[in-house]
Amino acid sequence: MIKTISAWHYFEIKTASPKRNIRDALGQVMEYAYYPGKERAKQLIIVGDRQPEADALHYLAYLRLRFEISVTYRYFDWETSMLSNDLL
């Protein structure tokens, strides 16, 4: 018997500064993934409309380490119409 394991990835799209996007989206993706006390997502992805600065990525890395959550950042490149890979 083959058992299929599905992994959910939850995305939250924001259009403010990358730092603000992290602030605004983090609670939302955590609620989607963990409320009411059950893990439903393997990956939490915050999507912005521009590449984040180094400080925003350091902040996100700290949150990942400190709280042991699998959250990453991606951005949509308007010139290429492409979504970046995970930036962490």
PDB file of N, CA and C in Angstrom:
ATOM      1  N   MET A   1       0.843  -1.172   0.000  1.00  0.00           N
ATOM      2  CA  MET A   1       0.000   0.000   0.000  1.00  0.00           C
ATOM      3  C   MET A   1       0.891   1.239   0.000  1.00  0.00           C
ATOM      4  N   ILE A   2       0.605   2.165  -0.871  1.00  0.00           N
ATOM      5  CA  ILE A   2       1.350   3.420  -0.947  1.00  0.00           C
ATOM      6  C   ILE A   2       0.591   4.475  -0.180  1.00  0.00           C
ATOM      7  N   LYS A   3       1.304   5.116   0.731  1.00  0.00           N
ATOM      8  CA  LYS A   3       0.692   6.169   1.521  1.00  0.00           C
ATOM      9  C   LYS A   3       1.156   7.519   0.976  1.00  0.00           C
ATOM     10  N   THR A   4       0.216   8.374   0.648  1.00  0.00           N
ATOM     11  CA  THR A   4       0.530   9.694   0.142  1.00  0.00           C
ATOM     12  C   THR A   4       0.541  10.684   1.298  1.00  0.00           C
ATOM     13  N   ILE A   5       1.613  11.440   1.373  1.00  0.00           N
ATOM     14  CA  ILE A   5       1.715  12.467   2.401  1.00  0.00           C
ATOM     15  C   ILE A   5       1.616  13.813   1.712  1.00  0.00           C
ATOM     16  N   SER A   6       0.640  14.575   2.111  1.00  0.00           N
ATOM     17  CA  SER A   6       0.499  15.897   1.513  1.00  0.00           C
ATOM     18  C   SER A   6       1.053  16.946   2.463  1.00  0.00           C
ATOM     19  N   ALA A   7       1.693  17.918   1.900  1.00  0.00           N
ATOM     20  CA  ALA A   7       2.255  19.008   2.694  1.00  0.00           C
ATOM     21  C   ALA A   7       1.615  20.302   2.225  1.00  0.00           C
ATOM     22  N   TRP A   8       1.000  20.992   3.147  1.00  0.00           N
ATOM     23  CA  TRP A   8       0.368  22.264   2.842  1.00  0.00           C
ATOM     24  C   TRP A   8       1.358  23.395   3.037  1.00  0.00           C
ATOM     25  N   HIS A   9       1.317  24.336   2.130  1.00  0.00           N
ATOM     26  CA  HIS A   9       2.111  25.551   2.243  1.00  0.00           C
ATOM     27  C   HIS A   9       1.124  26.708   2.242  1.00  0.00           C
ATOM     28  N   TYR A  10       1.164  27.517   3.281  1.00  0.00           N
ATOM     29  CA  TYR A  10       0.242  28.640   3.397  1.00  0.00           C
ATOM     30  C   TYR A  10       0.955  29.931   3.020  1.00  0.00           C
ATOM     31  N   PHE A  11       0.326  30.694   2.144  1.00  0.00           N
ATOM     32  CA  PHE A  11       0.862  31.958   1.665  1.00  0.00           C
ATOM     33  C   PHE A  11       0.005  33.105   2.186  1.00  0.00           C
ATOM     34  N   GLU A  12       0.653  34.217   2.516  1.00  0.00           N
ATOM     35  CA  GLU A  12      -0.060  35.451   2.836  1.00  0.00           C
ATOM     36  C   GLU A  12       0.622  36.552   2.036  1.00  0.00           C
ATOM     37  N   ILE A  13      -0.161  37.275   1.258  1.00  0.00           N
ATOM     38  CA  ILE A  13       0.368  38.316   0.374  1.00  0.00           C
ATOM     39  C   ILE A  13       0.115  39.688   0.985  1.00  0.00           C
ATOM     40  N   LYS A  14       1.170  40.490   1.031  1.00  0.00           N
ATOM     41  CA  LYS A  14       1.098  41.850   1.574  1.00  0.00           C
ATOM     42  C   LYS A  14       1.823  42.802   0.626  1.00  0.00           C
ATOM     43  N   THR A  15       1.490  44.099   0.704  1.00  0.00           N
ATOM     44  CA  THR A  15       2.088  45.065  -0.224  1.00  0.00           C
ATOM     45  C   THR A  15       2.723  46.272   0.457  1.00  0.00           C
ATOM     46  N   ALA A  16       3.059  46.167   1.721  1.00  0.00           N
ATOM     47  CA  ALA A  16       3.751  47.255   2.417  1.00  0.00           C
ATOM     48  C   ALA A  16       5.261  47.008   2.322  1.00  0.00           C
ATOM     49  N   SER A  17       6.017  47.609   3.214  1.00  0.00           N
ATOM     50  CA  SER A  17       7.459  47.339   3.246  1.00  0.00           C
ATOM     51  C   SER A  17       7.668  45.892   3.689  1.00  0.00           C
ATOM     52  N   PRO A  18       8.786  45.282   3.323  1.00  0.00           N
ATOM     53  CA  PRO A  18       9.023  43.906   3.749  1.00  0.00           C
ATOM     54  C   PRO A  18       8.919  43.705   5.266  1.00  0.00           C
ATOM     55  N   LYS A  19       9.485  44.629   6.055  1.00  0.00           N
ATOM     56  CA  LYS A  19       9.381  44.499   7.516  1.00  0.00           C
ATOM     57  C   LYS A  19       7.922  44.530   7.957  1.00  0.00           C
ATOM     58  N   ARG A  20       7.158  45.448   7.409  1.00  0.00           N
ATOM     59  CA  ARG A  20       5.741  45.552   7.754  1.00  0.00           C
ATOM     60  C   ARG A  20       4.976  44.322   7.273  1.00  0.00           C
ATOM     61  N   ASN A  21       5.344  43.803   6.120  1.00  0.00           N
ATOM     62  CA  ASN A  21       4.701  42.588   5.613  1.00  0.00           C
ATOM     63  C   ASN A  21       4.879  41.428   6.584  1.00  0.00           C
ATOM     64  N   ILE A  22       6.098  41.294   7.122  1.00  0.00           N
ATOM     65  CA  ILE A  22       6.364  40.226   8.095  1.00  0.00           C
ATOM     66  C   ILE A  22       5.484  40.431   9.322  1.00  0.00           C
ATOM     67  N   ARG A  23       5.449  41.654   9.821  1.00  0.00           N
ATOM     68  CA  ARG A  23       4.639  41.962  11.011  1.00  0.00           C
ATOM     69  C   ARG A  23       3.163  41.635  10.774  1.00  0.00           C
ATOM     70  N   ASP A  24       2.643  42.097   9.661  1.00  0.00           N
ATOM     71  CA  ASP A  24       1.211  41.936   9.394  1.00  0.00           C
ATOM     72  C   ASP A  24       0.822  40.507   9.032  1.00  0.00           C
ATOM     73  N   ALA A  25       1.708  39.794   8.357  1.00  0.00           N
ATOM     74  CA  ALA A  25       1.350  38.462   7.858  1.00  0.00           C
ATOM     75  C   ALA A  25       1.631  37.339   8.845  1.00  0.00           C
ATOM     76  N   LEU A  26       2.593  37.528   9.732  1.00  0.00           N
ATOM     77  CA  LEU A  26       3.019  36.423  10.592  1.00  0.00           C
ATOM     78  C   LEU A  26       1.882  35.857  11.435  1.00  0.00           C
ATOM     79  N   GLY A  27       1.142  36.701  12.097  1.00  0.00           N
ATOM     80  CA  GLY A  27       0.023  36.218  12.905  1.00  0.00           C
ATOM     81  C   GLY A  27      -1.029  35.512  12.068  1.00  0.00           C
ATOM     82  N   GLN A  28      -1.258  36.021  10.883  1.00  0.00           N
ATOM     83  CA  GLN A  28      -2.255  35.404  10.019  1.00  0.00           C
ATOM     84  C   GLN A  28      -1.839  33.998   9.588  1.00  0.00           C
ATOM     85  N   VAL A  29      -0.607  33.842   9.089  1.00  0.00           N
ATOM     86  CA  VAL A  29      -0.201  32.510   8.635  1.00  0.00           C
ATOM     87  C   VAL A  29      -0.089  31.528   9.794  1.00  0.00           C
ATOM     88  N   MET A  30       0.291  32.039  10.967  1.00  0.00           N
ATOM     89  CA  MET A  30       0.349  31.141  12.128  1.00  0.00           C
ATOM     90  C   MET A  30      -1.045  30.680  12.533  1.00  0.00           C
ATOM     91  N   GLU A  31      -2.012  31.589  12.468  1.00  0.00           N
ATOM     92  CA  GLU A  31      -3.381  31.180  12.779  1.00  0.00           C
ATOM     93  C   GLU A  31      -3.885  30.166  11.760  1.00  0.00           C
ATOM     94  N   TYR A  32      -3.651  30.422  10.487  1.00  0.00           N
ATOM     95  CA  TYR A  32      -4.079  29.472   9.449  1.00  0.00           C
ATOM     96  C   TYR A  32      -3.467  28.091   9.695  1.00  0.00           C
ATOM     97  N   ALA A  33      -2.201  28.077  10.094  1.00  0.00           N
ATOM     98  CA  ALA A  33      -1.471  26.820  10.210  1.00  0.00           C
ATOM     99  C   ALA A  33      -1.716  26.073  11.507  1.00  0.00           C
ATOM    100  N   TYR A  34      -1.928  26.788  12.609  1.00  0.00           N
ATOM    101  CA  TYR A  34      -1.932  26.131  13.918  1.00  0.00           C
ATOM    102  C   TYR A  34      -3.237  26.198  14.706  1.00  0.00           C
ATOM    103  N   TYR A  35      -4.140  27.069  14.351  1.00  0.00           N
ATOM    104  CA  TYR A  35      -5.387  27.183  15.111  1.00  0.00           C
ATOM    105  C   TYR A  35      -6.328  26.072  14.717  1.00  0.00           C
ATOM    106  N   PRO A  36      -6.954  25.399  15.610  1.00  0.00           N
ATOM    107  CA  PRO A  36      -7.015  25.543  17.068  1.00  0.00           C
ATOM    108  C   PRO A  36      -6.129  24.529  17.787  1.00  0.00           C
ATOM    109  N   GLY A  37      -4.838  24.624  17.628  1.00  0.00           N
ATOM    110  CA  GLY A  37      -3.919  23.715  18.310  1.00  0.00           C
ATOM    111  C   GLY A  37      -3.582  22.479  17.512  1.00  0.00           C
ATOM    112  N   LYS A  38      -3.527  22.632  16.206  1.00  0.00           N
ATOM    113  CA  LYS A  38      -3.227  21.506  15.336  1.00  0.00           C
ATOM    114  C   LYS A  38      -2.381  22.018  14.179  1.00  0.00           C
ATOM    115  N   GLU A  39      -1.290  21.340  13.876  1.00  0.00           N
ATOM    116  CA  GLU A  39      -0.420  21.784  12.789  1.00  0.00           C
ATOM    117  C   GLU A  39      -0.979  21.317  11.448  1.00  0.00           C
ATOM    118  N   ARG A  40      -1.299  22.280  10.596  1.00  0.00           N
ATOM    119  CA  ARG A  40      -1.880  21.962   9.295  1.00  0.00           C
ATOM    120  C   ARG A  40      -0.992  22.353   8.127  1.00  0.00           C
ATOM    121  N   ALA A  41       0.095  23.071   8.364  1.00  0.00           N
ATOM    122  CA  ALA A  41       0.946  23.506   7.262  1.00  0.00           C
ATOM    123  C   ALA A  41       2.400  23.157   7.537  1.00  0.00           C
ATOM    124  N   LYS A  42       3.071  22.744   6.509  1.00  0.00           N
ATOM    125  CA  LYS A  42       4.495  22.435   6.601  1.00  0.00           C
ATOM    126  C   LYS A  42       5.323  23.701   6.441  1.00  0.00           C
ATOM    127  N   GLN A  43       4.840  24.636   5.650  1.00  0.00           N
ATOM    128  CA  GLN A  43       5.595  25.847   5.342  1.00  0.00           C
ATOM    129  C   GLN A  43       4.680  27.068   5.381  1.00  0.00           C
ATOM    130  N   LEU A  44       5.162  28.146   5.983  1.00  0.00           N
ATOM    131  CA  LEU A  44       4.462  29.424   6.028  1.00  0.00           C
ATOM    132  C   LEU A  44       5.254  30.394   5.163  1.00  0.00           C
ATOM    133  N   ILE A  45       4.588  31.017   4.205  1.00  0.00           N
ATOM    134  CA  ILE A  45       5.293  31.861   3.251  1.00  0.00           C
ATOM    135  C   ILE A  45       4.642  33.234   3.200  1.00  0.00           C
ATOM    136  N   ILE A  46       5.442  34.253   3.477  1.00  0.00           N
ATOM    137  CA  ILE A  46       4.991  35.637   3.374  1.00  0.00           C
ATOM    138  C   ILE A  46       5.462  36.152   2.020  1.00  0.00           C
ATOM    139  N   VAL A  47       4.544  36.748   1.270  1.00  0.00           N
ATOM    140  CA  VAL A  47       4.869  37.245  -0.068  1.00  0.00           C
ATOM    141  C   VAL A  47       4.691  38.752  -0.085  1.00  0.00           C
ATOM    142  N   GLY A  48       5.720  39.451  -0.548  1.00  0.00           N
ATOM    143  CA  GLY A  48       5.656  40.892  -0.708  1.00  0.00           C
ATOM    144  C   GLY A  48       5.834  41.269  -2.160  1.00  0.00           C
ATOM    145  N   ASP A  49       5.779  42.566  -2.420  1.00  0.00           N
ATOM    146  CA  ASP A  49       5.915  42.997  -3.809  1.00  0.00           C
ATOM    147  C   ASP A  49       7.263  43.657  -4.097  1.00  0.00           C
ATOM    148  N   ARG A  50       8.221  43.434  -3.192  1.00  0.00           N
ATOM    149  CA  ARG A  50       9.592  43.873  -3.474  1.00  0.00           C
ATOM    150  C   ARG A  50      10.570  43.059  -2.644  1.00  0.00           C
ATOM    151  N   GLN A  51      11.801  43.040  -3.098  1.00  0.00           N
ATOM    152  CA  GLN A  51      12.838  42.275  -2.419  1.00  0.00           C
ATOM    153  C   GLN A  51      13.120  42.888  -1.053  1.00  0.00           C
ATOM    154  N   PRO A  52      13.203  42.068  -0.008  1.00  0.00           N
ATOM    155  CA  PRO A  52      13.456  42.597   1.339  1.00  0.00           C
ATOM    156  C   PRO A  52      14.910  43.006   1.541  1.00  0.00           C
ATOM    157  N   GLU A  53      15.098  43.970   2.432  1.00  0.00           N
ATOM    158  CA  GLU A  53      16.437  44.402   2.816  1.00  0.00           C
ATOM    159  C   GLU A  53      17.040  43.345   3.731  1.00  0.00           C
ATOM    160  N   ALA A  54      18.345  43.451   3.920  1.00  0.00           N
ATOM    161  CA  ALA A  54      19.057  42.496   4.782  1.00  0.00           C
ATOM    162  C   ALA A  54      18.487  42.486   6.195  1.00  0.00           C
ATOM    163  N   ASP A  55      18.138  43.664   6.732  1.00  0.00           N
ATOM    164  CA  ASP A  55      17.592  43.724   8.092  1.00  0.00           C
ATOM    165  C   ASP A  55      16.306  42.918   8.227  1.00  0.00           C
ATOM    166  N   ALA A  56      15.442  42.984   7.233  1.00  0.00           N
ATOM    167  CA  ALA A  56      14.183  42.233   7.278  1.00  0.00           C
ATOM    168  C   ALA A  56      14.457  40.730   7.244  1.00  0.00           C
ATOM    169  N   LEU A  57      15.430  40.311   6.454  1.00  0.00           N
ATOM    170  CA  LEU A  57      15.776  38.887   6.397  1.00  0.00           C
ATOM    171  C   LEU A  57      16.432  38.417   7.696  1.00  0.00           C
ATOM    172  N   HIS A  58      17.239  39.258   8.306  1.00  0.00           N
ATOM    173  CA  HIS A  58      17.846  38.904   9.606  1.00  0.00           C
ATOM    174  C   HIS A  58      16.750  38.765  10.668  1.00  0.00           C
ATOM    175  N   TYR A  59      15.790  39.670  10.629  1.00  0.00           N
ATOM    176  CA  TYR A  59      14.656  39.615  11.564  1.00  0.00           C
ATOM    177  C   TYR A  59      13.880  38.311  11.388  1.00  0.00           C
ATOM    178  N   LEU A  60      13.588  37.960  10.157  1.00  0.00           N
ATOM    179  CA  LEU A  60      12.847  36.731   9.892  1.00  0.00           C
ATOM    180  C   LEU A  60      13.655  35.503  10.316  1.00  0.00           C
ATOM    181  N   ALA A  61      14.953  35.527  10.064  1.00  0.00           N
ATOM    182  CA  ALA A  61      15.811  34.411  10.491  1.00  0.00           C
ATOM    183  C   ALA A  61      15.794  34.269  12.013  1.00  0.00           C
ATOM    184  N   TYR A  62      15.822  35.387  12.702  1.00  0.00           N
ATOM    185  CA  TYR A  62      15.765  35.345  14.164  1.00  0.00           C
ATOM    186  C   TYR A  62      14.437  34.755  14.637  1.00  0.00           C
ATOM    187  N   LEU A  63      13.329  35.182  14.032  1.00  0.00           N
ATOM    188  CA  LEU A  63      12.025  34.638  14.413  1.00  0.00           C
ATOM    189  C   LEU A  63      11.964  33.135  14.175  1.00  0.00           C
ATOM    190  N   ARG A  64      12.499  32.682  13.051  1.00  0.00           N
ATOM    191  CA  ARG A  64      12.523  31.242  12.742  1.00  0.00           C
ATOM    192  C   ARG A  64      13.276  30.467  13.825  1.00  0.00           C
ATOM    193  N   LEU A  65      14.433  30.993  14.189  1.00  0.00           N
ATOM    194  CA  LEU A  65      15.269  30.322  15.181  1.00  0.00           C
ATOM    195  C   LEU A  65      14.654  30.394  16.572  1.00  0.00           C
ATOM    196  N   ARG A  66      14.240  31.558  16.971  1.00  0.00           N
ATOM    197  CA  ARG A  66      13.732  31.789  18.330  1.00  0.00           C
ATOM    198  C   ARG A  66      12.451  31.021  18.615  1.00  0.00           C
ATOM    199  N   PHE A  67      11.543  30.995  17.644  1.00  0.00           N
ATOM    200  CA  PHE A  67      10.227  30.374  17.862  1.00  0.00           C
ATOM    201  C   PHE A  67      10.050  29.054  17.120  1.00  0.00           C
ATOM    202  N   GLU A  68      11.096  28.624  16.422  1.00  0.00           N
ATOM    203  CA  GLU A  68      11.072  27.347  15.712  1.00  0.00           C
ATOM    204  C   GLU A  68       9.870  27.208  14.799  1.00  0.00           C
ATOM    205  N   ILE A  69       9.675  28.226  13.962  1.00  0.00           N
ATOM    206  CA  ILE A  69       8.588  28.184  12.988  1.00  0.00           C
ATOM    207  C   ILE A  69       9.176  28.187  11.583  1.00  0.00           C
ATOM    208  N   SER A  70       8.539  27.481  10.702  1.00  0.00           N
ATOM    209  CA  SER A  70       9.017  27.363   9.334  1.00  0.00           C
ATOM    210  C   SER A  70       8.365  28.444   8.470  1.00  0.00           C
ATOM    211  N   VAL A  71       8.907  29.651   8.574  1.00  0.00           N
ATOM    212  CA  VAL A  71       8.357  30.776   7.825  1.00  0.00           C
ATOM    213  C   VAL A  71       9.441  31.344   6.911  1.00  0.00           C
ATOM    214  N   THR A  72       9.074  31.635   5.683  1.00  0.00           N
ATOM    215  CA  THR A  72      10.007  32.210   4.723  1.00  0.00           C
ATOM    216  C   THR A  72       9.364  33.414   4.053  1.00  0.00           C
ATOM    217  N   TYR A  73      10.173  34.102   3.267  1.00  0.00           N
ATOM    218  CA  TYR A  73       9.711  35.294   2.553  1.00  0.00           C
ATOM    219  C   TYR A  73       9.975  35.101   1.069  1.00  0.00           C
ATOM    220  N   ARG A  74       9.043  35.523   0.269  1.00  0.00           N
ATOM    221  CA  ARG A  74       9.205  35.567  -1.183  1.00  0.00           C
ATOM    222  C   ARG A  74       8.724  36.922  -1.655  1.00  0.00           C
ATOM    223  N   TYR A  75       9.166  37.313  -2.829  1.00  0.00           N
ATOM    224  CA  TYR A  75       8.662  38.566  -3.389  1.00  0.00           C
ATOM    225  C   TYR A  75       8.313  38.375  -4.852  1.00  0.00           C
ATOM    226  N   PHE A  76       7.353  39.150  -5.277  1.00  0.00           N
ATOM    227  CA  PHE A  76       6.924  39.127  -6.671  1.00  0.00           C
ATOM    228  C   PHE A  76       7.689  40.193  -7.430  1.00  0.00           C
ATOM    229  N   ASP A  77       8.369  39.776  -8.493  1.00  0.00           N
ATOM    230  CA  ASP A  77       9.131  40.699  -9.331  1.00  0.00           C
ATOM    231  C   ASP A  77       8.223  41.161 -10.465  1.00  0.00           C
ATOM    232  N   TRP A  78       7.861  42.426 -10.422  1.00  0.00           N
ATOM    233  CA  TRP A  78       6.920  42.975 -11.401  1.00  0.00           C
ATOM    234  C   TRP A  78       7.513  43.038 -12.809  1.00  0.00           C
ATOM    235  N   GLU A  79       8.823  43.178 -12.917  1.00  0.00           N
ATOM    236  CA  GLU A  79       9.451  43.265 -14.240  1.00  0.00           C
ATOM    237  C   GLU A  79       9.432  41.926 -14.967  1.00  0.00           C
ATOM    238  N   THR A  80       9.613  40.847 -14.228  1.00  0.00           N
ATOM    239  CA  THR A  80       9.656  39.524 -14.848  1.00  0.00           C
ATOM    240  C   THR A  80       8.353  38.745 -14.661  1.00  0.00           C
ATOM    241  N   SER A  81       7.464  39.268 -13.831  1.00  0.00           N
ATOM    242  CA  SER A  81       6.215  38.569 -13.479  1.00  0.00           C
ATOM    243  C   SER A  81       6.491  37.202 -12.859  1.00  0.00           C
ATOM    244  N   MET A  82       7.538  37.138 -12.031  1.00  0.00           N
ATOM    245  CA  MET A  82       7.927  35.890 -11.400  1.00  0.00           C
ATOM    246  C   MET A  82       7.940  36.029  -9.895  1.00  0.00           C
ATOM    247  N   LEU A  83       7.610  34.938  -9.215  1.00  0.00           N
ATOM    248  CA  LEU A  83       7.701  34.862  -7.770  1.00  0.00           C
ATOM    249  C   LEU A  83       9.069  34.293  -7.410  1.00  0.00           C
ATOM    250  N   SER A  84       9.763  34.948  -6.493  1.00  0.00           N
ATOM    251  CA  SER A  84      11.104  34.476  -6.101  1.00  0.00           C
ATOM    252  C   SER A  84      11.004  33.143  -5.372  1.00  0.00           C
ATOM    253  N   ASN A  85      12.149  32.520  -5.221  1.00  0.00           N
ATOM    254  CA  ASN A  85      12.261  31.346  -4.354  1.00  0.00           C
ATOM    255  C   ASN A  85      12.247  31.829  -2.907  1.00  0.00           C
ATOM    256  N   ASP A  86      12.179  30.898  -1.978  1.00  0.00           N
ATOM    257  CA  ASP A  86      12.238  31.259  -0.557  1.00  0.00           C
ATOM    258  C   ASP A  86      13.532  32.006  -0.265  1.00  0.00           C
ATOM    259  N   LEU A  87      13.412  33.080   0.493  1.00  0.00           N
ATOM    260  CA  LEU A  87      14.585  33.868   0.850  1.00  0.00           C
ATOM    261  C   LEU A  87      14.989  33.598   2.281  1.00  0.00           C
ATOM    262  N   LEU A  88      15.188  32.367   2.617  1.00  0.00           N
ATOM    263  CA  LEU A  88      15.666  31.980   3.943  1.00  0.00           C
ATOM    264  C   LEU A  88      15.682  30.492   4.049  1.00  0.00           C
TER     265      LEU A  88
END
